[in-house]
Amino acid sequence: MSSRLKITATAPLGRREFVSLCGAGLLAPAAARAQGGFSSNPDVVIIGAGAAGIAAAHGLREAGIDYAHIESASRVGGRAHTETHSFGIPHDRGAHWVQNQTRNPYFNRAKASPHRFYKAPEVFDIYTADRPATESETEALWSIWDRVEGAIGKAGRRGRDVSPAEVAPLDGDWARTAHFGIGPWEMGKDMDDFSCTDWWNSADSVDCYCAAGYGTLVTDHARGLPVVLDTPATRIRWGGPGVEVETPRGTLRAKAVIITVSTGVLAAEGITFDPPLPEDKQASFHAIRMGDYNHITLRFSEDIFGMGEDGYVLHQVDESDEAFGALTNASGTGLAYCDVGGRFARDLEKAGPAAARDFVLGKLRDMIGSDVDRYLTGSAVTEWSSDPHVRGCYASAVPGGHPMRKVLRAPVADRIFFAGEACHPDLWATVGGADISGTRTAIAVTRAVSG
């Protein structure tokens, strides 16, 4: 089995993550070189300052390649964003799970950092709608979970590029809960919206946490890199011998461009290509499609779940398929990341932060009791699908779309290169996968512009 973002506890439960970064100057291209920004005629332009863009920048700098680095948002980090204004303590609005151990460059960076870094505990509490589940009910959940993952794995191993819903029908009182955990909670997609083959061709993981936040690690790695913020690429002209990247601050002319924005931005035509990209390349943006996933984070003054640090809570899912899964008392801070995914996450995001908060609190009152309100001290809700800089959480192949991963990461005309979590063969949907993709792409670009 190969559920790359998976955290195995007392059962085969999974978890997915986000990717990207924070901090640089606002400079006009013509004057940027003198002020520590960029020249208007570099060898390479990097678009996006998430984990992939940062890794690509390090690679080009080490190779001695002159590059310009632009980011559409007002910070670096993208989907790996730690902030402190919501609760006064580190709060990961995106990526939180440091996965894939030594394959992930951030694993060793975290170990070498001054921040507390530790293996994720493996403790789960399961609830029905209004009480803790019995031992037999919990065993029933893990049993159906195993069967569902087994069916998906069997299909994926045989190369059946179909949805899990086609091979793992709902069967039993806890089947919807297993489907929620494997689909919306792990993949950010419902079970009819991703590929068994893609799921199978992904890396397993043992997870760790950085108490200072995953976004802090990514920001630390970006320190010293000249990134120009609030500078989106609006059009890329590539009909001539090089590329021209148009931005609101001017046009950059280069030999090549590295595009690290999400497939959500590319599918929404956030960047215009002139001439248009090949049809199969355009199709890949839709085939490796972004999911929907949000944190509804609550902070409690006491450990109302009684699980200690970093316990997982999951409740029985009914026919509405309206559900959340929670990481409770994260790093002992009292933060509970109550996460929603798939279509329900998208609908709840449209309803607004108050509706999301009310949904989770309503469920918790039923499960634990009305005392939850007494200990609640704050809340924060993410809205990743509405964010124009991202348009989703992380990418996975739709049913039938797995072969398009190779198309997605292939360069166009040896001067338009793509990098990011969606471009990694088996560490997709991870910060580490984005970092490795950026590094590999920088090597390929260095060869192309130096030849």
Protein backbone atom coordinates (compact mmCIF):
# COMPACT_ATOMS: atom_id res chain seq x y z
CA MET A 1 0.00 0.00 0.00
CA SER A 2 1.24 3.45 -0.79
CA SER A 3 -0.75 6.25 0.79
CA ARG A 4 2.07 8.77 0.84
CA LEU A 5 0.65 11.14 3.38
CA LYS A 6 -0.44 8.47 5.69
CA ILE A 7 -0.06 8.40 9.45
CA THR A 8 -0.51 4.95 10.82
CA ALA A 9 -1.63 4.82 14.42
CA THR A 10 -3.59 2.01 15.97
CA ALA A 11 -5.18 1.83 12.52
CA PRO A 12 -4.28 2.59 8.90
CA LEU A 13 -5.29 6.24 9.01
CA GLY A 14 -3.94 8.79 6.54
CA ARG A 15 -3.18 12.48 6.33
CA ARG A 16 -2.30 14.91 3.58
CA GLU A 17 -0.51 18.16 3.55
CA PHE A 18 0.00 21.41 1.76
CA VAL A 19 3.02 23.21 0.24
CA SER A 20 4.82 26.88 -0.28
CA LEU A 21 6.69 30.38 1.80
CA CYS A 22 7.40 34.41 3.36
CA GLY A 23 9.37 37.80 3.02
CA ALA A 24 11.20 40.02 0.35
CA GLY A 25 10.98 43.41 -1.33
CA LEU A 26 8.66 45.29 -3.65
CA LEU A 27 10.86 46.52 -6.47
CA ALA A 28 10.41 47.77 -10.03
CA PRO A 29 12.35 45.49 -12.42
CA ALA A 30 14.48 48.28 -13.88
CA ALA A 31 15.82 49.33 -10.49
CA ALA A 32 15.71 46.03 -8.67
CA ARG A 33 19.28 44.91 -9.36
CA ALA A 34 20.81 47.86 -7.54
CA GLN A 35 18.43 47.40 -4.61
CA GLY A 36 18.96 43.65 -4.11
CA GLY A 37 15.98 42.49 -6.18
CA PHE A 38 16.25 41.30 -9.80
CA SER A 39 17.44 42.47 -13.19
CA SER A 40 15.04 42.65 -16.12
CA ASN A 41 17.25 40.35 -18.24
CA PRO A 42 18.22 37.33 -16.12
CA ASP A 43 19.03 33.89 -17.48
CA VAL A 44 16.04 32.35 -15.70
CA VAL A 45 12.79 33.57 -14.11
CA ILE A 46 11.29 31.60 -11.21
CA ILE A 47 7.55 32.10 -10.76
CA GLY A 48 6.32 31.28 -7.27
CA ALA A 49 8.07 31.27 -3.89
CA GLY A 50 6.67 28.13 -2.35
CA ALA A 51 8.84 25.17 -1.37
CA ALA A 52 9.54 24.31 -5.03
CA GLY A 53 10.44 27.87 -6.00
CA ILE A 54 12.72 28.25 -2.99
CA ALA A 55 14.50 24.98 -3.77
CA ALA A 56 14.89 26.01 -7.42
CA ALA A 57 16.35 29.35 -6.33
CA HIS A 58 18.93 27.63 -4.13
CA GLY A 59 19.83 25.31 -7.01
CA LEU A 60 20.29 28.10 -9.53
CA ARG A 61 22.27 30.24 -7.10
CA GLU A 62 24.62 27.35 -6.30
CA ALA A 63 25.09 26.77 -10.05
CA GLY A 64 25.94 30.44 -10.58
CA ILE A 65 22.89 31.08 -12.79
CA ASP A 66 21.52 34.64 -12.86
CA TYR A 67 17.83 34.48 -12.01
CA ALA A 68 14.87 36.64 -11.05
CA HIS A 69 12.36 35.31 -8.52
CA ILE A 70 8.79 36.66 -8.35
CA GLU A 71 5.83 35.79 -6.14
CA SER A 72 2.24 36.94 -6.58
CA ALA A 73 1.41 36.94 -2.86
CA SER A 74 2.66 39.35 -0.23
CA ARG A 75 4.70 36.64 1.48
CA VAL A 76 6.74 33.57 0.65
CA GLY A 77 5.64 30.10 1.72
CA GLY A 78 2.32 29.61 -0.05
CA ARG A 79 0.72 26.51 1.40
CA ALA A 80 3.34 26.11 4.14
CA HIS A 81 2.36 29.15 6.16
CA THR A 82 2.83 29.51 9.90
CA GLU A 83 1.38 32.61 11.56
CA THR A 84 1.01 33.78 15.14
CA HIS A 85 -1.57 36.55 14.90
CA SER A 86 -4.60 34.25 15.26
CA PHE A 87 -3.71 32.75 18.64
CA GLY A 88 -0.41 34.33 19.71
CA ILE A 89 1.38 31.00 19.11
CA PRO A 90 2.53 29.20 15.94
CA HIS A 91 -0.46 28.16 13.86
CA ASP A 92 -0.03 26.24 10.61
CA ARG A 93 -2.63 27.45 8.17
CA GLY A 94 -1.46 24.85 5.66
CA ALA A 95 1.21 22.14 5.86
CA HIS A 96 1.67 20.69 9.33
CA TRP A 97 2.85 17.09 8.94
CA VAL A 98 6.59 16.70 8.18
CA GLN A 99 6.53 13.53 6.17
CA ASN A 100 8.64 10.93 4.41
CA GLN A 101 11.50 11.15 6.87
CA THR A 102 14.95 11.29 5.25
CA ARG A 103 13.54 11.47 1.72
CA ASN A 104 12.15 14.86 2.68
CA PRO A 105 14.93 17.48 2.81
CA TYR A 106 12.95 19.31 5.48
CA PHE A 107 13.30 16.34 7.83
CA ASN A 108 17.04 16.90 8.26
CA ARG A 109 16.58 20.68 8.21
CA ALA A 110 14.12 20.34 11.08
CA LYS A 111 16.48 18.08 13.02
CA ALA A 112 19.27 20.64 12.58
CA SER A 113 17.04 23.57 13.55
CA PRO A 114 16.61 24.98 17.08
CA HIS A 115 12.91 24.10 16.96
CA ARG A 116 11.34 21.21 18.82
CA PHE A 117 10.94 18.36 16.32
CA TYR A 118 9.47 14.98 17.17
CA LYS A 119 7.73 11.89 15.84
CA ALA A 120 3.95 12.12 15.67
CA PRO A 121 2.21 10.09 18.40
CA GLU A 122 -0.22 7.37 17.34
CA VAL A 123 -3.33 7.83 19.47
CA PHE A 124 -6.91 7.89 18.21
CA ASP A 125 -10.31 8.36 19.85
CA ILE A 126 -13.37 7.35 17.84
CA TYR A 127 -16.87 8.69 18.50
CA THR A 128 -20.36 7.97 17.35
CA ALA A 129 -22.61 10.99 16.87
CA ASP A 130 -23.06 11.46 20.61
CA ARG A 131 -20.64 9.29 22.59
CA PRO A 132 -17.29 7.49 22.51
CA ALA A 133 -17.38 4.41 20.30
CA THR A 134 -17.24 1.02 21.95
CA GLU A 135 -14.32 -1.33 21.42
CA SER A 136 -16.34 -3.41 18.99
CA GLU A 137 -17.40 -0.31 17.04
CA THR A 138 -13.81 0.87 16.83
CA GLU A 139 -12.71 -2.55 15.60
CA ALA A 140 -15.47 -2.44 13.00
CA LEU A 141 -14.16 0.88 11.72
CA TRP A 142 -10.58 -0.33 11.37
CA SER A 143 -11.75 -3.54 9.75
CA ILE A 144 -13.71 -1.74 7.01
CA TRP A 145 -10.86 0.76 6.69
CA ASP A 146 -8.47 -2.11 5.93
CA ARG A 147 -10.88 -3.60 3.40
CA VAL A 148 -11.38 -0.28 1.60
CA GLU A 149 -7.65 0.43 1.41
CA GLY A 150 -7.09 -3.13 0.29
CA ALA A 151 -9.57 -2.74 -2.56
CA ILE A 152 -8.02 0.55 -3.66
CA GLY A 153 -4.54 -0.93 -3.48
CA LYS A 154 -5.52 -4.01 -5.45
CA ALA A 155 -6.99 -1.87 -8.23
CA GLY A 156 -4.01 0.48 -8.24
CA ARG A 157 -1.50 -2.36 -8.27
CA ARG A 158 -3.23 -3.78 -11.34
CA GLY A 159 -3.14 -0.41 -13.07
CA ARG A 160 -6.89 0.18 -12.90
CA ASP A 161 -7.02 3.94 -13.20
CA VAL A 162 -10.53 4.15 -11.72
CA SER A 163 -11.96 5.88 -8.67
CA PRO A 164 -12.00 4.20 -5.24
CA ALA A 165 -15.78 4.57 -5.22
CA GLU A 166 -15.90 2.09 -8.11
CA VAL A 167 -13.97 -0.65 -6.27
CA ALA A 168 -14.91 0.00 -2.63
CA PRO A 169 -18.68 0.42 -2.29
CA LEU A 170 -20.24 1.59 0.96
CA ASP A 171 -20.87 -1.47 3.11
CA GLY A 172 -21.56 -1.35 6.84
CA ASP A 173 -22.27 1.18 9.58
CA TRP A 174 -18.71 2.54 9.57
CA ALA A 175 -18.06 2.50 5.83
CA ARG A 176 -18.79 6.21 5.37
CA THR A 177 -16.31 6.99 8.12
CA ALA A 178 -13.60 4.97 6.40
CA HIS A 179 -14.43 6.60 3.08
CA PHE A 180 -14.18 10.03 4.70
CA GLY A 181 -10.83 9.25 6.29
CA ILE A 182 -9.25 7.84 3.13
CA GLY A 183 -10.85 10.37 0.79
CA PRO A 184 -11.66 13.89 2.07
CA TRP A 185 -9.48 13.73 5.20
CA GLU A 186 -6.41 12.32 3.48
CA MET A 187 -6.77 13.22 -0.19
CA GLY A 188 -8.85 16.39 0.01
CA LYS A 189 -11.22 14.68 -2.43
CA ASP A 190 -14.26 12.44 -2.30
CA MET A 191 -13.84 8.80 -3.22
CA ASP A 192 -15.20 9.27 -6.74
CA ASP A 193 -12.74 12.06 -7.51
CA PHE A 194 -9.25 10.51 -7.46
CA SER A 195 -7.39 7.64 -9.08
CA CYS A 196 -6.61 4.26 -7.52
CA THR A 197 -3.48 4.03 -9.66
CA ASP A 198 -2.29 7.45 -8.54
CA TRP A 199 -3.00 6.58 -4.89
CA TRP A 200 -1.07 3.33 -5.23
CA ASN A 201 1.94 4.98 -6.87
CA SER A 202 2.76 7.14 -3.87
CA ALA A 203 5.12 6.82 -0.94
CA ASP A 204 4.19 5.68 2.54
CA SER A 205 5.22 7.92 5.38
CA VAL A 206 5.99 8.14 9.08
CA ASP A 207 5.16 11.65 10.22
CA CYS A 208 6.77 14.18 12.52
CA TYR A 209 5.84 17.60 13.89
CA CYS A 210 7.74 20.84 14.25
CA ALA A 211 6.32 22.72 17.23
CA ALA A 212 7.33 26.05 15.66
CA GLY A 213 5.32 25.20 12.53
CA TYR A 214 6.13 23.67 9.17
CA GLY A 215 5.84 27.09 7.57
CA THR A 216 8.58 28.30 9.90
CA LEU A 217 10.95 25.67 8.50
CA VAL A 218 10.15 26.72 4.95
CA THR A 219 10.56 30.41 5.75
CA ASP A 220 13.89 29.68 7.41
CA HIS A 221 15.05 27.95 4.21
CA ALA A 222 14.12 31.02 2.15
CA ARG A 223 16.13 33.41 4.28
CA GLY A 224 18.60 35.41 2.19
CA LEU A 225 16.95 34.67 -1.16
CA PRO A 226 15.94 37.75 -3.21
CA VAL A 227 12.22 37.24 -3.83
CA VAL A 228 10.12 40.09 -5.20
CA LEU A 229 6.62 39.89 -3.70
CA ASP A 230 3.24 41.13 -4.93
CA THR A 231 4.46 40.50 -8.47
CA PRO A 232 2.32 38.00 -10.38
CA ALA A 233 3.29 36.67 -13.77
CA THR A 234 0.36 37.60 -16.00
CA ARG A 235 1.57 36.45 -19.42
CA ILE A 236 4.43 34.33 -20.74
CA ARG A 237 5.47 34.86 -24.34
CA TRP A 238 7.57 32.01 -25.71
CA GLY A 239 7.21 32.22 -29.47
CA GLY A 240 10.76 33.51 -29.91
CA PRO A 241 14.13 32.07 -28.87
CA GLY A 242 13.63 32.76 -25.14
CA VAL A 243 10.77 33.77 -22.87
CA GLU A 244 9.21 37.07 -21.87
CA VAL A 245 7.41 37.14 -18.53
CA GLU A 246 4.99 40.02 -18.18
CA THR A 247 4.23 41.37 -14.68
CA PRO A 248 2.55 44.54 -13.39
CA ARG A 249 6.06 45.83 -12.68
CA GLY A 250 7.44 45.27 -16.14
CA THR A 251 8.57 42.51 -18.49
CA LEU A 252 11.38 40.10 -17.71
CA ARG A 253 13.30 38.59 -20.64
CA ALA A 254 15.16 35.36 -20.04
CA LYS A 255 16.39 32.15 -21.60
CA ALA A 256 13.98 29.99 -19.54
CA VAL A 257 11.27 30.12 -16.89
CA ILE A 258 10.50 27.79 -13.98
CA ILE A 259 6.79 27.77 -13.12
CA THR A 260 6.03 26.54 -9.61
CA VAL A 261 2.43 27.73 -9.19
CA SER A 262 -0.26 25.17 -8.41
CA THR A 263 -2.24 23.26 -11.03
CA GLY A 264 -5.25 25.12 -9.64
CA VAL A 265 -3.82 28.45 -10.77
CA LEU A 266 -2.75 26.99 -14.12
CA ALA A 267 -6.14 25.34 -14.75
CA ALA A 268 -7.88 28.63 -13.97
CA GLU A 269 -5.62 30.32 -16.55
CA GLY A 270 -4.07 32.55 -13.94
CA ILE A 271 -1.16 32.90 -16.36
CA THR A 272 -1.72 33.46 -20.10
CA PHE A 273 0.65 31.68 -22.48
CA ASP A 274 1.40 33.20 -25.88
CA PRO A 275 1.30 31.09 -27.98
CA PRO A 276 -0.95 28.67 -26.06
CA LEU A 277 0.72 25.66 -24.51
CA PRO A 278 0.30 22.27 -26.24
CA GLU A 279 -3.13 20.74 -25.68
CA ASP A 280 -1.82 17.80 -23.65
CA LYS A 281 0.02 20.16 -21.32
CA GLN A 282 -3.12 22.18 -20.76
CA ALA A 283 -5.07 18.96 -20.16
CA SER A 284 -2.58 17.91 -17.48
CA PHE A 285 -3.51 20.91 -15.32
CA HIS A 286 -7.06 19.55 -15.13
CA ALA A 287 -6.12 15.87 -14.88
CA ILE A 288 -3.80 16.46 -11.90
CA ARG A 289 -6.42 18.49 -10.16
CA MET A 290 -6.36 20.32 -6.85
CA GLY A 291 -8.48 19.04 -3.99
CA ASP A 292 -10.29 21.00 -1.30
CA TYR A 293 -9.12 20.90 2.33
CA ASN A 294 -9.31 23.37 5.21
CA HIS A 295 -8.31 23.69 8.84
CA ILE A 296 -11.03 24.83 11.20
CA THR A 297 -8.72 25.51 14.12
CA LEU A 298 -10.05 25.91 17.65
CA ARG A 299 -8.00 26.69 20.74
CA PHE A 300 -9.05 25.36 24.12
CA SER A 301 -7.73 26.42 27.51
CA GLU A 302 -7.74 22.80 28.68
CA ASP A 303 -7.24 19.43 27.02
CA ILE A 304 -10.96 18.73 26.64
CA PHE A 305 -10.24 15.53 24.73
CA GLY A 306 -8.05 14.08 27.49
CA MET A 307 -5.59 12.56 25.02
CA GLY A 308 -2.44 14.52 25.80
CA GLU A 309 -0.42 15.98 22.93
CA ASP A 310 -1.35 15.35 19.32
CA GLY A 311 -4.23 12.93 19.59
CA TYR A 312 -6.58 12.19 16.71
CA VAL A 313 -10.37 12.36 16.93
CA LEU A 314 -12.72 10.91 14.34
CA HIS A 315 -16.51 10.66 14.46
CA GLN A 316 -18.98 8.35 12.75
CA VAL A 317 -20.10 9.82 9.43
CA ASP A 318 -23.77 9.70 8.46
CA GLU A 319 -25.53 9.91 5.08
CA SER A 320 -24.91 13.65 4.85
CA ASP A 321 -21.16 13.01 4.49
CA GLU A 322 -20.61 16.15 6.57
CA ALA A 323 -17.58 15.31 8.68
CA PHE A 324 -14.31 16.47 10.13
CA GLY A 325 -11.25 14.77 11.58
CA ALA A 326 -9.18 16.46 14.26
CA LEU A 327 -5.60 16.65 15.47
CA THR A 328 -6.08 17.75 19.07
CA ASN A 329 -3.85 19.68 21.47
CA ALA A 330 -1.20 20.12 18.77
CA SER A 331 2.28 20.20 20.36
CA GLY A 332 0.56 20.81 23.70
CA THR A 333 -0.70 24.25 22.67
CA GLY A 334 -4.43 23.59 23.02
CA LEU A 335 -4.93 23.96 19.24
CA ALA A 336 -7.31 21.50 17.63
CA TYR A 337 -6.99 21.28 13.85
CA CYS A 338 -10.51 20.18 12.87
CA ASP A 339 -10.14 19.43 9.17
CA VAL A 340 -12.67 19.07 6.38
CA GLY A 341 -12.09 17.95 2.81
CA GLY A 342 -13.66 17.27 -0.55
CA ARG A 343 -16.99 18.69 -1.68
CA PHE A 344 -18.13 19.39 1.85
CA ALA A 345 -15.02 21.50 2.46
CA ARG A 346 -15.77 23.46 -0.69
CA ASP A 347 -19.40 24.00 0.34
CA LEU A 348 -18.44 25.01 3.87
CA GLU A 349 -15.86 27.44 2.53
CA LYS A 350 -18.56 29.12 0.46
CA ALA A 351 -20.78 29.34 3.55
CA GLY A 352 -18.07 31.28 5.38
CA PRO A 353 -15.86 30.98 8.49
CA ALA A 354 -18.73 31.37 10.96
CA ALA A 355 -20.60 28.44 9.41
CA ALA A 356 -17.45 26.29 9.49
CA ARG A 357 -16.82 27.09 13.14
CA ASP A 358 -20.46 26.43 14.07
CA PHE A 359 -20.39 23.08 12.28
CA VAL A 360 -17.41 21.80 14.24
CA LEU A 361 -18.61 23.16 17.58
CA GLY A 362 -22.03 21.60 17.02
CA LYS A 363 -20.47 18.20 16.41
CA LEU A 364 -18.18 18.53 19.43
CA ARG A 365 -21.08 19.47 21.71
CA ASP A 366 -22.90 16.32 20.64
CA MET A 367 -19.82 14.15 21.03
CA ILE A 368 -18.24 15.55 24.20
CA GLY A 369 -20.78 17.89 25.80
CA SER A 370 -21.61 21.58 26.00
CA ASP A 371 -18.55 22.23 28.20
CA VAL A 372 -16.51 22.66 25.03
CA ASP A 373 -17.77 26.25 24.79
CA ARG A 374 -16.50 27.08 28.26
CA TYR A 375 -12.93 26.21 27.32
CA LEU A 376 -12.91 27.71 23.82
CA THR A 377 -10.58 30.73 23.60
CA GLY A 378 -10.29 31.37 19.86
CA SER A 379 -10.74 30.09 16.32
CA ALA A 380 -9.34 30.48 12.79
CA VAL A 381 -10.61 29.07 9.49
CA THR A 382 -8.63 28.65 6.27
CA GLU A 383 -10.08 29.15 2.79
CA TRP A 384 -7.55 27.63 0.40
CA SER A 385 -9.86 27.02 -2.53
CA SER A 386 -10.84 30.69 -2.61
CA ASP A 387 -7.24 31.87 -2.42
CA PRO A 388 -6.37 33.18 -5.93
CA HIS A 389 -2.69 32.40 -5.33
CA VAL A 390 -3.43 28.67 -4.80
CA ARG A 391 -7.02 27.63 -5.65
CA GLY A 392 -7.07 24.42 -3.65
CA CYS A 393 -5.02 22.34 -1.25
CA TYR A 394 -2.82 19.87 -3.16
CA ALA A 395 -3.06 17.94 -6.42
CA SER A 396 -3.92 14.35 -7.24
CA ALA A 397 -4.95 12.63 -10.45
CA VAL A 398 -8.61 12.30 -11.35
CA PRO A 399 -9.78 8.82 -12.40
CA GLY A 400 -8.02 8.05 -15.68
CA GLY A 401 -5.58 10.93 -15.15
CA HIS A 402 -2.51 9.22 -13.67
CA PRO A 403 -0.50 9.12 -16.97
CA MET A 404 -0.78 12.93 -17.15
CA ARG A 405 1.72 13.34 -14.30
CA LYS A 406 4.57 12.80 -16.77
CA VAL A 407 3.00 15.32 -19.12
CA LEU A 408 2.64 17.85 -16.31
CA ARG A 409 6.30 17.81 -15.31
CA ALA A 410 7.71 17.69 -18.87
CA PRO A 411 9.31 20.95 -20.12
CA VAL A 412 7.96 22.77 -23.17
CA ALA A 413 10.41 23.81 -25.91
CA ASP A 414 13.29 23.36 -23.45
CA ARG A 415 12.54 26.78 -21.96
CA ILE A 416 9.28 26.46 -20.00
CA PHE A 417 9.86 24.22 -17.00
CA PHE A 418 7.40 23.12 -14.31
CA ALA A 419 8.06 22.22 -10.67
CA GLY A 420 6.00 21.69 -7.53
CA GLU A 421 4.38 19.05 -5.38
CA ALA A 422 2.16 17.92 -8.26
CA CYS A 423 5.24 17.24 -10.40
CA HIS A 424 6.91 14.72 -8.08
CA PRO A 425 6.33 11.08 -9.14
CA ASP A 426 5.48 9.70 -5.68
CA LEU A 427 5.92 12.46 -3.07
CA TRP A 428 3.16 14.58 -4.54
CA ALA A 429 1.00 16.56 -2.13
CA THR A 430 4.00 17.02 0.17
CA VAL A 431 6.36 19.87 0.96
CA GLY A 432 9.28 17.50 0.55
CA GLY A 433 8.07 16.48 -2.89
CA ALA A 434 7.85 20.13 -3.92
CA ASP A 435 11.36 20.81 -2.63
CA ILE A 436 12.86 17.85 -4.51
CA SER A 437 10.97 18.80 -7.66
CA GLY A 438 12.35 22.34 -7.48
CA THR A 439 15.90 21.09 -7.01
CA ARG A 440 15.67 18.64 -9.91
CA THR A 441 14.17 21.28 -12.17
CA ALA A 442 16.95 23.73 -11.33
CA ILE A 443 19.48 21.12 -12.46
CA ALA A 444 17.61 20.61 -15.75
CA VAL A 445 17.34 24.34 -16.34
CA THR A 446 21.00 24.90 -15.58
CA ARG A 447 21.88 22.42 -18.30
CA ALA A 448 19.48 24.04 -20.74
CA VAL A 449 20.70 27.62 -20.29
CA SER A 450 24.39 26.71 -20.02
CA GLY A 451 24.53 24.58 -23.14
